[in-house]
Amino acid sequence: MLFTIAWRNVWRQKVRSLVIIGAMVVGLWGLIFAIGFMSGFMDSYLSNALKYEYSHIQVHHPDFKQDQEIKYNIKQGIKKVAEIVTDTNVKAATHRTIVNAMIGSAKASSGVKVLGVDSLLEKEVTSFDQLITDGTYFKSVKRNPLLIGEKLAEKLKVKLRSKIVLTFQNLEGEIVSEAFRVAGIFNAKSPILNETVVMVNFRDINKNLGDKNLVSEIAVYLNDVDKIEESQEAISSILPDYRVEKWDKLAPELSLIVQQSKTNVFILVTIFMTALIFGIINTMLMAVLERIKELGMLMAIGMNRIKVFTMIIIETIFLGLVACPVGLFLGHLTISYFNGNGFDLSDYSQGLEKFGYETVIYPIISGNHYFMLSMGIFITTIVASIYPALKAIKLKPAEALRKI
């Protein structure tokens, strides 16, 4: 009986009820899109950082990160990579030689980090071959090919097949210079890669270092990031004397950004729910004040205060039950559309690229978010209905019946 009365009461003032339902629908719709956009924005940034810079796990000599000197290398690194990829959760792994060097062209010079890579393994881990905007991935130059970022190429005033000289120290501490030619120019979303990193073949750089098998770093990309702890332990058992680190330890700033993104979502939801509470309180309070005489009559003929309180609560819940599915459905449709087509931010490309963000965002939202928002609406409607319900049960039947 209470449910029937409450449902009829909701639609006695259709305009007022539809206004609050509409506000809840639009707010929920916008909130879902905002969460999806922020999640997609962060997901693309994190995905790019992991794919092109950090990978999921990296292995180094315990002292390498302090000075990044080539003497701190991984013994039998190439063999260890072959062992690491036997783990079923490892999608790919590669070895690298890292050398700090001076790079010089006929026009300018600069300090750079040289990555000596196995071209076949590297593209499996980083998909770096997909970033080439001009030239090829190591193929167009037969001897000493080099890949360079667009920004660094502009700074050095070089183009495809331009001659470049790298100067660095070998294992004996001697200064070595070697000429390379630009085989490809890449455009990574990371400003660091574009401006301070060049790639050469593993063998080409190592022949000048004094050890053709020298490995400074091992990078590992996983199939399932949720199993990263297990994979880290497995790799540590293969390389017990070396530092095996997850991406959040390699790049604590990335971990901080991800955590901040989650905090922003929580703040956004809190603001929405708080505004919703006041909107519902206002609507239900008006409904109670307009029905003082009616409520007084119900209590006079035997409806106790608990039932009156419950009736007001149920009326408010009905508003949420009508609005929530509609808002979730519209939000899901919007997210699905932009997830397939992307949200184009190319008008802001220059600013976004400086911070490593994509110019096309694909909003995403998890099932947990939908559940969280549904529960949030349910709890909010109950909380918002308490004050109007208390106002209703404080009425005295005799006084209420005399109200005009």
Protein backbone atom coordinates (compact mmCIF):
# COMPACT_ATOMS: atom_id res chain seq x y z
CA MET A 1 0.00 0.00 0.00
CA LEU A 2 2.75 2.46 0.92
CA PHE A 3 4.51 1.85 -2.40
CA THR A 4 1.31 2.51 -4.33
CA ILE A 5 0.59 5.72 -2.45
CA ALA A 6 4.19 6.89 -2.79
CA TRP A 7 4.25 6.22 -6.54
CA ARG A 8 1.00 8.17 -7.04
CA ASN A 9 2.30 11.03 -4.92
CA VAL A 10 5.39 11.35 -7.15
CA TRP A 11 3.22 11.98 -10.21
CA ARG A 12 0.65 14.25 -8.58
CA GLN A 13 2.98 17.14 -9.36
CA LYS A 14 4.34 15.92 -12.70
CA VAL A 15 6.22 19.07 -13.67
CA ARG A 16 8.09 19.30 -10.37
CA SER A 17 8.93 15.60 -10.38
CA LEU A 18 10.06 15.68 -14.01
CA VAL A 19 12.28 18.69 -13.31
CA ILE A 20 14.18 16.94 -10.53
CA ILE A 21 14.30 13.69 -12.53
CA GLY A 22 15.58 15.61 -15.55
CA ALA A 23 18.23 17.33 -13.43
CA MET A 24 19.37 13.95 -12.08
CA VAL A 25 19.47 12.44 -15.59
CA VAL A 26 21.45 15.31 -17.10
CA GLY A 27 23.81 15.47 -14.13
CA LEU A 28 24.43 11.72 -14.18
CA TRP A 29 24.87 11.77 -17.96
CA GLY A 30 27.43 14.57 -17.74
CA LEU A 31 29.19 12.92 -14.80
CA ILE A 32 29.60 9.64 -16.68
CA PHE A 33 31.05 11.45 -19.69
CA ALA A 34 33.40 13.48 -17.47
CA ILE A 35 34.65 10.34 -15.71
CA GLY A 36 35.00 8.52 -19.03
CA PHE A 37 36.89 11.44 -20.59
CA MET A 38 39.26 11.76 -17.63
CA SER A 39 39.83 7.99 -17.59
CA GLY A 40 40.49 7.91 -21.34
CA PHE A 41 42.80 10.91 -21.07
CA MET A 42 44.81 9.25 -18.31
CA ASP A 43 44.74 5.83 -19.94
CA SER A 44 46.24 7.16 -23.20
CA TYR A 45 48.94 9.07 -21.31
CA LEU A 46 49.86 6.07 -19.16
CA SER A 47 49.71 3.67 -22.10
CA ASN A 48 52.09 5.85 -24.15
CA ALA A 49 54.49 6.25 -21.23
CA LEU A 50 54.60 2.49 -20.57
CA LYS A 51 54.83 1.49 -24.21
CA TYR A 52 57.44 3.96 -25.41
CA GLU A 53 59.44 4.81 -22.29
CA TYR A 54 59.19 2.60 -19.22
CA SER A 55 57.53 -0.72 -20.10
CA HIS A 56 55.96 -2.63 -17.21
CA ILE A 57 59.24 -3.85 -15.70
CA GLN A 58 62.89 -2.87 -16.13
CA VAL A 59 66.07 -4.54 -14.94
CA HIS A 60 69.32 -2.67 -14.16
CA HIS A 61 72.58 -3.09 -12.33
CA PRO A 62 72.05 -1.90 -8.70
CA ASP A 63 74.33 1.12 -9.27
CA PHE A 64 73.28 1.98 -12.82
CA LYS A 65 70.52 4.47 -11.99
CA GLN A 66 72.88 6.69 -9.99
CA ASP A 67 75.26 7.60 -12.82
CA GLN A 68 74.06 5.56 -15.83
CA GLU A 69 77.63 4.55 -16.57
CA ILE A 70 78.21 1.67 -18.98
CA LYS A 71 80.43 -0.13 -16.49
CA TYR A 72 77.26 -0.92 -14.51
CA ASN A 73 75.86 -3.52 -16.87
CA ILE A 74 73.97 -6.80 -16.78
CA LYS A 75 76.13 -9.86 -17.27
CA GLN A 76 74.82 -12.31 -19.88
CA GLY A 77 71.93 -9.90 -20.49
CA ILE A 78 71.03 -11.32 -23.92
CA LYS A 79 70.78 -14.84 -22.50
CA LYS A 80 68.67 -13.62 -19.58
CA VAL A 81 66.17 -12.00 -21.96
CA ALA A 82 65.66 -15.38 -23.60
CA GLU A 83 64.88 -16.86 -20.17
CA ILE A 84 62.50 -14.05 -19.22
CA VAL A 85 60.27 -14.48 -22.29
CA THR A 86 59.50 -18.07 -21.25
CA ASP A 87 57.13 -16.61 -18.63
CA THR A 88 53.59 -16.92 -20.02
CA ASN A 89 52.66 -13.44 -18.78
CA VAL A 90 55.59 -11.80 -20.63
CA LYS A 91 54.43 -10.47 -23.96
CA ALA A 92 57.92 -9.37 -25.03
CA ALA A 93 61.32 -8.44 -23.60
CA THR A 94 64.33 -6.67 -25.03
CA HIS A 95 67.88 -5.69 -24.08
CA ARG A 96 69.38 -2.24 -24.53
CA THR A 97 72.69 -0.47 -24.26
CA ILE A 98 72.38 3.04 -22.81
CA VAL A 99 75.13 5.59 -23.41
CA ASN A 100 75.25 9.29 -22.64
CA ALA A 101 76.83 11.04 -25.60
CA MET A 102 77.28 14.24 -27.55
CA ILE A 103 75.58 14.29 -30.92
CA GLY A 104 76.85 16.62 -33.61
CA SER A 105 75.84 17.59 -37.12
CA ALA A 106 77.34 20.11 -39.52
CA LYS A 107 75.06 22.77 -38.01
CA ALA A 108 74.76 22.10 -34.26
CA SER A 109 75.42 19.73 -31.38
CA SER A 110 73.62 18.55 -28.25
CA GLY A 111 73.74 16.09 -25.38
CA VAL A 112 71.66 12.95 -25.89
CA LYS A 113 70.92 9.53 -24.51
CA VAL A 114 71.80 6.83 -27.03
CA LEU A 115 69.75 3.65 -26.94
CA GLY A 116 71.44 0.68 -28.60
CA VAL A 117 68.57 -1.68 -29.41
CA ASP A 118 67.84 -4.96 -31.09
CA SER A 119 65.47 -3.65 -33.76
CA LEU A 120 63.34 -6.80 -33.90
CA LEU A 121 62.91 -7.18 -30.13
CA GLU A 122 62.48 -3.46 -29.53
CA LYS A 123 59.45 -3.08 -31.78
CA GLU A 124 57.79 -5.99 -29.99
CA VAL A 125 58.16 -4.20 -26.65
CA THR A 126 57.68 -0.56 -27.61
CA SER A 127 56.06 -0.60 -31.09
CA PHE A 128 58.58 2.11 -31.88
CA ASP A 129 58.43 1.30 -35.58
CA GLN A 130 54.92 2.80 -35.60
CA LEU A 131 56.25 6.22 -34.57
CA ILE A 132 58.36 6.73 -37.70
CA THR A 133 57.01 9.73 -39.62
CA ASP A 134 59.79 9.98 -42.21
CA GLY A 135 62.16 7.30 -43.50
CA THR A 136 62.20 3.74 -42.20
CA TYR A 137 62.79 1.75 -39.04
CA PHE A 138 66.55 1.10 -39.46
CA LYS A 139 66.20 -0.21 -43.05
CA SER A 140 67.02 2.67 -45.41
CA VAL A 141 70.68 2.93 -44.29
CA LYS A 142 72.96 -0.10 -44.49
CA ARG A 143 75.80 1.06 -42.23
CA ASN A 144 75.23 2.61 -38.80
CA PRO A 145 71.55 3.65 -39.17
CA LEU A 146 70.13 6.02 -36.55
CA LEU A 147 66.62 7.08 -35.51
CA ILE A 148 66.09 10.61 -34.27
CA GLY A 149 63.14 12.61 -32.91
CA GLU A 150 61.56 15.41 -34.93
CA LYS A 151 62.43 18.10 -32.39
CA LEU A 152 66.06 17.02 -32.14
CA ALA A 153 66.31 16.77 -35.93
CA GLU A 154 65.06 20.37 -36.20
CA LYS A 155 67.58 21.49 -33.59
CA LEU A 156 70.49 19.79 -35.39
CA LYS A 157 69.09 20.82 -38.80
CA VAL A 158 69.33 17.29 -40.20
CA LYS A 159 67.11 15.20 -42.46
CA LEU A 160 67.06 11.69 -43.85
CA ARG A 161 70.52 10.29 -44.66
CA SER A 162 72.23 13.24 -42.97
CA LYS A 163 75.54 12.36 -41.33
CA ILE A 164 75.67 12.56 -37.56
CA VAL A 165 78.61 11.98 -35.21
CA LEU A 166 78.19 10.47 -31.75
CA THR A 167 80.95 11.03 -29.20
CA PHE A 168 81.06 9.00 -25.98
CA GLN A 169 83.30 7.05 -23.59
CA ASN A 170 84.01 3.34 -23.94
CA LEU A 171 84.58 0.85 -21.12
CA GLU A 172 88.22 1.92 -20.84
CA GLY A 173 87.25 5.57 -20.35
CA GLU A 174 88.54 6.58 -23.77
CA ILE A 175 86.68 9.10 -25.93
CA VAL A 176 85.23 7.44 -29.03
CA SER A 177 83.53 9.01 -32.04
CA GLU A 178 81.46 7.19 -34.64
CA ALA A 179 79.57 8.44 -37.67
CA PHE A 180 75.92 7.44 -38.19
CA ARG A 181 73.30 8.32 -40.80
CA VAL A 182 69.67 9.21 -40.20
CA ALA A 183 67.53 6.29 -41.32
CA GLY A 184 64.27 7.48 -39.77
CA ILE A 185 62.68 10.40 -37.97
CA PHE A 186 60.11 9.63 -35.28
CA ASN A 187 57.46 11.62 -33.45
CA ALA A 188 56.79 10.26 -29.97
CA LYS A 189 54.24 11.83 -27.65
CA SER A 190 56.96 12.15 -25.03
CA PRO A 191 58.96 15.41 -25.23
CA ILE A 192 61.93 13.58 -23.64
CA LEU A 193 62.07 11.02 -26.46
CA ASN A 194 61.59 13.65 -29.16
CA GLU A 195 64.28 15.98 -27.90
CA THR A 196 66.94 13.97 -26.05
CA VAL A 197 66.96 10.34 -27.28
CA VAL A 198 68.36 8.66 -30.40
CA MET A 199 68.28 4.98 -31.31
CA VAL A 200 70.97 2.94 -32.99
CA ASN A 201 71.55 -0.76 -33.56
CA PHE A 202 72.79 -2.69 -30.53
CA ARG A 203 75.81 -4.09 -32.40
CA ASP A 204 76.78 -0.73 -33.93
CA ILE A 205 77.16 1.04 -30.60
CA ASN A 206 78.64 -1.93 -28.71
CA LYS A 207 81.52 -2.45 -31.14
CA ASN A 208 82.79 0.97 -30.03
CA LEU A 209 82.32 0.29 -26.32
CA GLY A 210 84.67 -2.67 -26.08
CA ASP A 211 82.05 -5.36 -25.40
CA LYS A 212 79.79 -6.52 -28.21
CA ASN A 213 77.31 -8.08 -25.73
CA LEU A 214 77.13 -5.22 -23.23
CA VAL A 215 73.58 -4.77 -21.83
CA SER A 216 72.63 -1.78 -19.68
CA GLU A 217 68.91 -2.42 -19.40
CA ILE A 218 66.27 -5.09 -19.92
CA ALA A 219 62.70 -3.92 -20.59
CA VAL A 220 59.72 -6.23 -20.19
CA TYR A 221 56.16 -5.74 -21.47
CA LEU A 222 53.42 -7.93 -19.96
CA ASN A 223 50.20 -9.46 -21.21
CA ASP A 224 48.33 -8.89 -17.95
CA VAL A 225 49.46 -5.94 -15.84
CA ASP A 226 47.39 -7.21 -12.91
CA LYS A 227 49.92 -10.04 -12.56
CA ILE A 228 52.89 -7.70 -12.48
CA GLU A 229 53.88 -8.76 -8.94
CA GLU A 230 54.14 -12.40 -9.99
CA SER A 231 56.19 -11.54 -13.08
CA GLN A 232 58.48 -9.31 -11.03
CA GLU A 233 59.20 -12.19 -8.65
CA ALA A 234 59.85 -14.57 -11.56
CA ILE A 235 62.30 -12.13 -13.18
CA SER A 236 64.01 -11.51 -9.84
CA SER A 237 64.63 -15.25 -9.53
CA ILE A 238 66.34 -15.18 -12.96
CA LEU A 239 68.37 -12.07 -12.13
CA PRO A 240 68.80 -12.17 -8.33
CA ASP A 241 71.76 -9.78 -8.25
CA TYR A 242 70.07 -6.98 -10.18
CA ARG A 243 67.41 -4.36 -9.54
CA VAL A 244 64.03 -5.48 -10.94
CA GLU A 245 61.53 -2.60 -10.77
CA LYS A 246 57.91 -2.04 -11.73
CA TRP A 247 56.84 1.00 -13.71
CA ASP A 248 55.50 2.84 -10.64
CA LYS A 249 58.96 2.69 -9.05
CA LEU A 250 60.70 3.65 -12.28
CA ALA A 251 58.41 6.64 -12.77
CA PRO A 252 56.85 7.68 -9.44
CA GLU A 253 55.46 10.78 -11.13
CA LEU A 254 53.28 8.53 -13.30
CA SER A 255 51.96 6.75 -10.23
CA LEU A 256 51.23 10.14 -8.64
CA ILE A 257 49.34 11.30 -11.75
CA VAL A 258 47.24 8.11 -11.80
CA GLN A 259 46.41 8.53 -8.10
CA GLN A 260 45.56 12.19 -8.65
CA SER A 261 43.22 11.21 -11.47
CA LYS A 262 41.35 8.85 -9.14
CA THR A 263 41.14 11.63 -6.55
CA ASN A 264 39.73 14.01 -9.16
CA VAL A 265 37.02 11.48 -10.04
CA PHE A 266 36.12 11.14 -6.35
CA ILE A 267 35.92 14.94 -5.96
CA LEU A 268 33.75 15.22 -9.08
CA VAL A 269 31.34 12.55 -7.84
CA THR A 270 31.22 14.18 -4.38
CA ILE A 271 30.35 17.59 -5.85
CA PHE A 272 27.62 16.09 -8.00
CA MET A 273 26.09 14.08 -5.16
CA THR A 274 26.20 17.08 -2.82
CA ALA A 275 24.39 19.27 -5.37
CA LEU A 276 21.90 16.47 -5.93
CA ILE A 277 21.17 16.21 -2.21
CA PHE A 278 20.20 19.88 -1.99
CA GLY A 279 18.06 19.62 -5.14
CA ILE A 280 16.16 16.63 -3.78
CA ILE A 281 15.75 18.19 -0.34
CA ASN A 282 14.29 21.31 -1.93
CA THR A 283 11.85 19.31 -4.08
CA MET A 284 10.69 16.95 -1.34
CA LEU A 285 10.42 19.72 1.23
CA MET A 286 8.13 21.64 -1.11
CA ALA A 287 6.09 18.45 -1.61
CA VAL A 288 5.73 18.02 2.17
CA LEU A 289 4.79 21.64 2.85
CA GLU A 290 2.16 21.60 0.10
CA ARG A 291 0.60 18.45 1.60
CA ILE A 292 0.46 19.44 5.27
CA LYS A 293 -3.32 19.07 5.49
CA GLU A 294 -3.22 15.74 3.62
CA LEU A 295 -0.47 14.35 5.84
CA GLY A 296 -2.36 15.51 8.92
CA MET A 297 -5.46 13.70 7.73
CA LEU A 298 -3.49 10.48 7.09
CA MET A 299 -2.11 10.58 10.62
CA ALA A 300 -5.57 11.42 12.02
CA ILE A 301 -7.16 8.33 10.46
CA GLY A 302 -4.48 6.02 11.80
CA MET A 303 -1.29 6.16 9.71
CA ASN A 304 1.50 6.22 12.25
CA ARG A 305 4.58 8.41 12.01
CA ILE A 306 6.85 5.54 10.94
CA LYS A 307 4.65 4.87 7.90
CA VAL A 308 4.56 8.59 7.02
CA PHE A 309 8.36 8.74 7.33
CA THR A 310 8.74 5.61 5.18
CA MET A 311 6.32 6.96 2.56
CA ILE A 312 8.40 10.13 2.07
CA ILE A 313 11.58 8.04 1.82
CA ILE A 314 9.99 5.76 -0.80
CA GLU A 315 8.77 8.74 -2.85
CA THR A 316 12.32 10.08 -2.99
CA ILE A 317 13.76 6.68 -3.90
CA PHE A 318 11.27 6.43 -6.76
CA LEU A 319 12.67 9.67 -8.20
CA GLY A 320 16.14 8.12 -8.20
CA LEU A 321 14.91 4.80 -9.60
CA VAL A 322 13.33 6.59 -12.57
CA ALA A 323 16.28 8.92 -13.23
CA CYS A 324 19.19 6.53 -12.66
CA PRO A 325 18.59 4.02 -15.51
CA VAL A 326 17.94 6.80 -18.01
CA GLY A 327 21.09 8.71 -17.01
CA LEU A 328 23.21 5.54 -17.07
CA PHE A 329 21.84 4.56 -20.47
CA LEU A 330 22.50 7.97 -22.03
CA GLY A 331 25.97 8.04 -20.47
CA HIS A 332 26.74 4.56 -21.79
CA LEU A 333 25.61 5.52 -25.31
CA THR A 334 27.80 8.64 -25.24
CA ILE A 335 30.86 6.78 -23.97
CA SER A 336 30.35 4.01 -26.53
CA TYR A 337 30.12 6.52 -29.38
CA PHE A 338 33.24 8.48 -28.46
CA ASN A 339 35.14 5.32 -27.54
CA GLY A 340 34.65 4.16 -31.12
CA ASN A 341 35.13 7.51 -32.86
CA GLY A 342 37.38 9.39 -30.48
CA PHE A 343 37.11 12.91 -29.07
CA ASP A 344 39.23 15.18 -31.25
CA LEU A 345 41.40 17.73 -29.43
CA SER A 346 43.67 18.50 -32.38
CA ASP A 347 43.01 22.24 -31.96
CA TYR A 348 45.10 21.99 -28.79
CA SER A 349 47.70 19.60 -30.23
CA GLN A 350 50.75 21.79 -29.61
CA GLY A 351 50.00 22.21 -25.92
CA LEU A 352 49.03 18.57 -25.43
CA GLU A 353 52.11 17.17 -27.18
CA LYS A 354 54.40 19.18 -24.90
CA PHE A 355 53.08 17.15 -21.98
CA GLY A 356 52.92 13.82 -23.81
CA TYR A 357 49.15 13.59 -24.30
CA GLU A 358 47.26 12.26 -27.31
CA THR A 359 45.23 14.67 -29.43
CA VAL A 360 42.39 12.15 -29.86
CA ILE A 361 40.90 10.85 -26.62
CA TYR A 362 38.89 7.64 -26.39
CA PRO A 363 36.72 7.85 -23.25
CA ILE A 364 36.44 4.66 -21.22
CA ILE A 365 34.51 3.77 -18.10
CA SER A 366 34.48 0.54 -16.14
CA GLY A 367 31.55 -1.42 -14.80
CA ASN A 368 32.71 -0.47 -11.30
CA HIS A 369 32.04 3.17 -12.11
CA TYR A 370 28.48 2.41 -13.20
CA PHE A 371 27.89 0.43 -10.02
CA MET A 372 29.49 3.16 -7.88
CA LEU A 373 27.28 5.85 -9.44
CA SER A 374 24.12 3.73 -9.07
CA MET A 375 24.85 3.15 -5.40
CA GLY A 376 25.72 6.82 -5.02
CA ILE A 377 22.34 7.85 -6.42
CA PHE A 378 20.53 5.36 -4.17
CA ILE A 379 22.35 6.50 -1.02
CA THR A 380 22.01 10.18 -1.95
CA THR A 381 18.24 9.95 -2.41
CA ILE A 382 17.87 8.27 0.99
CA VAL A 383 20.06 10.85 2.73
CA ALA A 384 18.28 13.74 0.98
CA SER A 385 14.84 12.42 1.98
CA ILE A 386 15.56 12.25 5.70
CA TYR A 387 15.05 15.97 6.46
CA PRO A 388 11.73 16.32 4.55
CA ALA A 389 10.54 13.05 6.14
CA LEU A 390 11.42 14.31 9.62
CA LYS A 391 9.61 17.55 8.82
CA ALA A 392 6.52 15.52 7.90
CA ILE A 393 6.37 13.41 11.07
CA LYS A 394 6.76 16.47 13.29
CA LEU A 395 3.34 17.68 12.12
CA LYS A 396 0.53 17.60 14.66
CA PRO A 397 -2.65 16.20 13.05
CA ALA A 398 -5.01 18.70 14.70
CA GLU A 399 -2.95 21.71 13.58
CA ALA A 400 -2.31 20.26 10.13
CA LEU A 401 -6.03 19.77 9.46
CA ARG A 402 -6.68 23.45 10.15
CA LYS A 403 -4.15 24.53 7.49
CA ILE A 404 -5.68 26.13 4.43
